[in-house]
Amino acid sequence: MSYSVSARRLSRRGLLAAAGGAGLAALLAGCGRDDTASPSAGATSGGPWSFTDDRTEKLSAATRPTRVVAFTGVAAALVDFGLDKQIVGVFGETKRADGSKDPQAGDLNVEGVEILGNVWGEFNLEKYAGLRPELLVTHMYDPGALWYVPDESKDKIVPLAPVAAITTARVPMTKPIERYAQLAESLGADLSAPKVTDAKARFEAAAESVRQAVKANPGIKVMACSGSPDLFYVSNPKVSTDLMYFAELGVDIVVPTKLEAGDYFEALSWENAGKFPADLILLDNRSTALQPKDLTAKPTWTQLPAVKANQVTPWDAVPRFSYAGAAPLLENLATAIKGAKKVTS
C-alpha cells in the first residue's frame, strides 16, 4: 500500500462526523432487532457461533450471524469463499462514477447489498443501524485500526454488532487469505466446494509460475509504487502483505530506505523519482492514484528506465484476500517478470 491517501488513512482516520446520539437512539428504537425480518438463512444458522479475530478478541453469538456488513473488498473475499445472502451491506469503493462495479467488489452482487459509503470517510450510520447487523468485518492494517470505519463515528458503530478485524499488513498475503477463509467457514461457507478448491489450486499454480519466472529471468528488480500530483511513493515489501509474499516467492523488490510513519512507503519528490533503479514497475491501479496517462506530464516519470522500456504493470495495492482474488495478481506478475528485460545496471 503506497500513496498519499493511504498515509492519511493510517494516521488520520476520522473523516465522518458522528451522527447525533438522540437521532440514532430513535432509529434503533424504531427498527429494533426484530428477527422476523431476517433472511431465511437464520433458520439454518445452527448453534452458538464464535470466532477469535486478529485483535485476539473472541466474538460470540447465540447463533451464526446471517446479517454481515463488511468493507467491500472483504465482502468480495467472503463471497469467493462461498458466502452469499449473508452479506447485507458494504462500505468502501463499490461503484465507479459511471455506475459500473469497482474492481474491489469482485464477484459481489453490488445491487443486492446496501452501500453505506463509496469512498474513504463515508459510512452511513443510520443505514448501518437499519440493517440490524449481526457482524461487521474489515481489514486491520495497523493494530486496532478498523479499515474504512471512521474514527469520528467509530464509538457509535462498534456497539451495534460484533466486529471482526483481520490483519492485512506485516504478514505475507497467504495469512489474511487463510484467516478470511476461516471466518467464512465459521459463517457457513463450504471450503471443500469446487469453487473454493479450484481457486486455491489456481492460486498455488500461479505462485509456482512466479517462482519459475524469477528463475527463468533472474536479476529483474521490481519496484511497487504509486503516484500523486506532488509525490511519488515507493512501497515497502517488509510491510505490504502482497509484496512480502512476492518476495517470499523470490521476486527482487526495491526496499525503500527513508520510511514514513507506519513504514508503508517512502515519499519522494518527483525530482527524486529515480532514486531506486528498477527494471519493472508495479503501479498502483486504484482510481485514487495517478495512472500512466496521467503521469506522462511528469518528466522524471517518463525518464525512468522501466517506463522508457514500457515495463510497467498494474498493481492492486489493496488486494482481495481470497484465492480467487489473488491468483490473477500472481499470474500477471509472472507474465510481467517473464517479459521484462534488464534495463538497469
Foldseek 3Di string as FASTA:
>chain_A
DWDDVVVCCVPPQAQAAADDPVVLVVLCVVQPQPCVPPDPVQVVQDAKFWDQAPLRDIDIDRGQQQAEEEAQLLVQQLVLLPDANSDAEHEEAAADPVRHGDVSNHPHPVVRHHYQYRHQNGGNLSVLSNSQGAEYEAEDLDPPRGRSPHPNHNVVRPVSYPYHYHYQKQAALLRSQVSSSVVSVSNPGDCPDCSNVVLLVLLVVLLVLLLVLCVVQPDFEEWEWFADPFWIKTFALSIGRHSVSSVVSPHHYDHDDDADPSRGTDIHGLVCPQVDAGQAYAYAPDPNTDDPVRCVVRVSVCPRQNNVVVRYHYDPSDFNRHSNGCSVVSNRSSVSSNPTDDRDD
